[in-house]
Amino acid sequence: MIALVKALIPGAILSLAVSLFVGSGGSRGGFLNVHQVTLAGYDFHWSWPLFLAGTALAWAILLMMD
C-alpha cells in the first residue's frame, strides 16, 4: 500500500510533463484526453488517463524493487 502512495508523485509528474507538451501544441491527445484545468488561479494541462497509467507503471516498478 505504501508503494501505491509513493507512486502517485511520479504519476503526477509524468502526467504534467506529457500533458504540457501535448496541450500546448493545441492537441487533445486522442485517448489521453488532455484538457486545461484552472486551480487557484493557475492554468495547466491535465490528463486523467495518463495519470492513472503513469501511477500504475510507477507502482509496478516500486513493487518490483522491493
N, C-alpha and C. Protein backbone atom coordinates (compact mmCIF):
# COMPACT_ATOMS: atom_id res chain seq x y z
N MET A 1 0.82 -1.20 0.00
CA MET A 1 0.00 0.00 0.00
C MET A 1 0.86 1.25 0.00
N ILE A 2 1.98 1.22 0.69
CA ILE A 2 2.89 2.37 0.71
C ILE A 2 3.45 2.62 -0.68
N ALA A 3 3.69 1.56 -1.44
CA ALA A 3 4.22 1.72 -2.80
C ALA A 3 3.23 2.48 -3.68
N LEU A 4 1.94 2.25 -3.48
CA LEU A 4 0.94 2.97 -4.26
C LEU A 4 0.95 4.46 -3.93
N VAL A 5 1.07 4.78 -2.67
CA VAL A 5 1.13 6.19 -2.27
C VAL A 5 2.38 6.86 -2.82
N LYS A 6 3.50 6.15 -2.79
CA LYS A 6 4.74 6.68 -3.36
C LYS A 6 4.65 6.85 -4.87
N ALA A 7 3.86 6.02 -5.53
CA ALA A 7 3.74 6.06 -6.99
C ALA A 7 2.89 7.22 -7.48
N LEU A 8 2.13 7.86 -6.60
CA LEU A 8 1.30 8.99 -7.02
C LEU A 8 2.13 10.18 -7.49
N ILE A 9 3.27 10.41 -6.87
CA ILE A 9 4.11 11.56 -7.23
C ILE A 9 4.71 11.39 -8.62
N PRO A 10 5.37 10.27 -8.95
CA PRO A 10 5.87 10.13 -10.33
C PRO A 10 4.75 10.10 -11.36
N GLY A 11 3.60 9.55 -11.01
CA GLY A 11 2.47 9.55 -11.93
C GLY A 11 1.99 10.96 -12.23
N ALA A 12 1.95 11.81 -11.22
CA ALA A 12 1.53 13.20 -11.42
C ALA A 12 2.56 13.98 -12.23
N ILE A 13 3.84 13.75 -11.95
CA ILE A 13 4.89 14.45 -12.69
C ILE A 13 4.87 14.04 -14.16
N LEU A 14 4.72 12.74 -14.43
CA LEU A 14 4.64 12.28 -15.81
C LEU A 14 3.43 12.88 -16.52
N SER A 15 2.29 12.92 -15.85
CA SER A 15 1.08 13.47 -16.46
C SER A 15 1.23 14.95 -16.75
N LEU A 16 1.80 15.71 -15.81
CA LEU A 16 2.00 17.14 -16.04
C LEU A 16 2.96 17.40 -17.19
N ALA A 17 4.05 16.65 -17.25
CA ALA A 17 5.07 16.88 -18.28
C ALA A 17 4.52 16.55 -19.67
N VAL A 18 3.91 15.38 -19.83
CA VAL A 18 3.41 14.98 -21.15
C VAL A 18 2.22 15.85 -21.55
N SER A 19 1.33 16.15 -20.61
CA SER A 19 0.17 16.98 -20.92
C SER A 19 0.58 18.39 -21.30
N LEU A 20 1.65 18.89 -20.72
CA LEU A 20 2.15 20.21 -21.07
C LEU A 20 2.54 20.27 -22.53
N PHE A 21 3.29 19.27 -23.00
CA PHE A 21 3.74 19.28 -24.39
C PHE A 21 2.58 19.01 -25.36
N VAL A 22 1.70 18.09 -25.02
CA VAL A 22 0.58 17.78 -25.91
C VAL A 22 -0.42 18.93 -25.93
N GLY A 23 -0.76 19.45 -24.76
CA GLY A 23 -1.76 20.51 -24.67
C GLY A 23 -1.30 21.85 -25.20
N SER A 24 -0.03 22.18 -25.02
CA SER A 24 0.46 23.46 -25.52
C SER A 24 0.53 23.48 -27.04
N GLY A 25 0.57 22.32 -27.67
CA GLY A 25 0.55 22.23 -29.12
C GLY A 25 -0.85 22.34 -29.69
N GLY A 26 -1.86 22.41 -28.83
CA GLY A 26 -3.24 22.56 -29.28
C GLY A 26 -3.95 21.24 -29.50
N SER A 27 -3.31 20.14 -29.20
CA SER A 27 -3.92 18.83 -29.40
C SER A 27 -4.59 18.36 -28.12
N ARG A 28 -5.55 17.44 -28.28
CA ARG A 28 -6.18 16.83 -27.11
C ARG A 28 -5.60 15.46 -26.80
N GLY A 29 -4.73 14.97 -27.67
CA GLY A 29 -4.03 13.73 -27.41
C GLY A 29 -4.85 12.47 -27.63
N GLY A 30 -5.98 12.56 -28.29
CA GLY A 30 -6.80 11.38 -28.55
C GLY A 30 -7.28 10.72 -27.27
N PHE A 31 -6.85 9.49 -27.03
CA PHE A 31 -7.28 8.74 -25.84
C PHE A 31 -6.82 9.42 -24.55
N LEU A 32 -5.74 10.20 -24.60
CA LEU A 32 -5.23 10.84 -23.39
C LEU A 32 -6.17 11.92 -22.85
N ASN A 33 -7.00 12.49 -23.73
CA ASN A 33 -8.00 13.49 -23.33
C ASN A 33 -7.37 14.60 -22.48
N VAL A 34 -6.37 15.25 -23.03
CA VAL A 34 -5.71 16.36 -22.34
C VAL A 34 -6.64 17.56 -22.35
N HIS A 35 -6.87 18.15 -21.20
CA HIS A 35 -7.72 19.33 -21.09
C HIS A 35 -7.08 20.35 -20.15
N GLN A 36 -7.51 21.60 -20.28
CA GLN A 36 -6.95 22.66 -19.46
C GLN A 36 -7.74 22.77 -18.16
N VAL A 37 -7.02 22.86 -17.06
CA VAL A 37 -7.62 22.92 -15.72
C VAL A 37 -7.18 24.23 -15.07
N THR A 38 -8.11 24.88 -14.38
CA THR A 38 -7.79 26.08 -13.60
C THR A 38 -7.94 25.74 -12.13
N LEU A 39 -6.87 25.90 -11.38
CA LEU A 39 -6.87 25.60 -9.95
C LEU A 39 -6.20 26.74 -9.21
N ALA A 40 -6.95 27.43 -8.37
CA ALA A 40 -6.45 28.55 -7.57
C ALA A 40 -5.81 29.62 -8.45
N GLY A 41 -6.41 29.88 -9.60
CA GLY A 41 -5.91 30.94 -10.47
C GLY A 41 -4.81 30.52 -11.42
N TYR A 42 -4.36 29.28 -11.36
CA TYR A 42 -3.32 28.78 -12.25
C TYR A 42 -3.93 27.85 -13.29
N ASP A 43 -3.52 28.03 -14.54
CA ASP A 43 -3.98 27.17 -15.63
C ASP A 43 -2.89 26.18 -15.98
N PHE A 44 -3.27 24.92 -16.14
CA PHE A 44 -2.32 23.91 -16.58
C PHE A 44 -3.09 22.82 -17.31
N HIS A 45 -2.37 22.02 -18.08
CA HIS A 45 -2.98 20.92 -18.83
C HIS A 45 -2.90 19.66 -17.98
N TRP A 46 -3.94 18.81 -18.08
CA TRP A 46 -4.01 17.60 -17.26
C TRP A 46 -4.68 16.48 -18.04
N SER A 47 -4.30 15.24 -17.72
CA SER A 47 -4.88 14.07 -18.35
C SER A 47 -5.07 12.99 -17.30
N TRP A 48 -6.31 12.64 -16.99
CA TRP A 48 -6.58 11.59 -16.02
C TRP A 48 -6.13 10.22 -16.49
N PRO A 49 -6.39 9.84 -17.76
CA PRO A 49 -5.90 8.52 -18.21
C PRO A 49 -4.38 8.40 -18.14
N LEU A 50 -3.68 9.48 -18.47
CA LEU A 50 -2.22 9.46 -18.40
C LEU A 50 -1.75 9.39 -16.95
N PHE A 51 -2.45 10.06 -16.05
CA PHE A 51 -2.11 9.99 -14.62
C PHE A 51 -2.27 8.57 -14.09
N LEU A 52 -3.37 7.92 -14.45
CA LEU A 52 -3.61 6.55 -13.98
C LEU A 52 -2.59 5.58 -14.56
N ALA A 53 -2.26 5.73 -15.84
CA ALA A 53 -1.26 4.85 -16.47
C ALA A 53 0.13 5.08 -15.87
N GLY A 54 0.50 6.32 -15.65
CA GLY A 54 1.80 6.63 -15.05
C GLY A 54 1.91 6.14 -13.62
N THR A 55 0.82 6.26 -12.86
CA THR A 55 0.81 5.77 -11.49
C THR A 55 0.92 4.25 -11.46
N ALA A 56 0.21 3.57 -12.35
CA ALA A 56 0.28 2.11 -12.40
C ALA A 56 1.68 1.65 -12.78
N LEU A 57 2.32 2.34 -13.73
CA LEU A 57 3.68 1.99 -14.13
C LEU A 57 4.66 2.21 -12.97
N ALA A 58 4.56 3.34 -12.29
CA ALA A 58 5.45 3.62 -11.16
C ALA A 58 5.19 2.64 -10.02
N TRP A 59 3.95 2.26 -9.80
CA TRP A 59 3.60 1.31 -8.75
C TRP A 59 4.23 -0.06 -9.04
N ALA A 60 4.13 -0.49 -10.30
CA ALA A 60 4.73 -1.78 -10.68
C ALA A 60 6.23 -1.75 -10.49
N ILE A 61 6.88 -0.66 -10.87
CA ILE A 61 8.33 -0.56 -10.71
C ILE A 61 8.71 -0.57 -9.24
N LEU A 62 7.97 0.15 -8.40
CA LEU A 62 8.26 0.16 -6.96
C LEU A 62 8.04 -1.21 -6.33
N LEU A 63 7.02 -1.93 -6.76
CA LEU A 63 6.78 -3.28 -6.23
C LEU A 63 7.89 -4.24 -6.64
N MET A 64 8.40 -4.10 -7.86
CA MET A 64 9.48 -4.97 -8.32
C MET A 64 10.80 -4.68 -7.59
N MET A 65 10.97 -3.44 -7.12
CA MET A 65 12.21 -3.08 -6.41
C MET A 65 12.23 -3.65 -4.99
N ASP A 66 11.08 -4.00 -4.46
CA ASP A 66 11.02 -4.49 -3.08
C ASP A 66 11.55 -5.88 -2.95
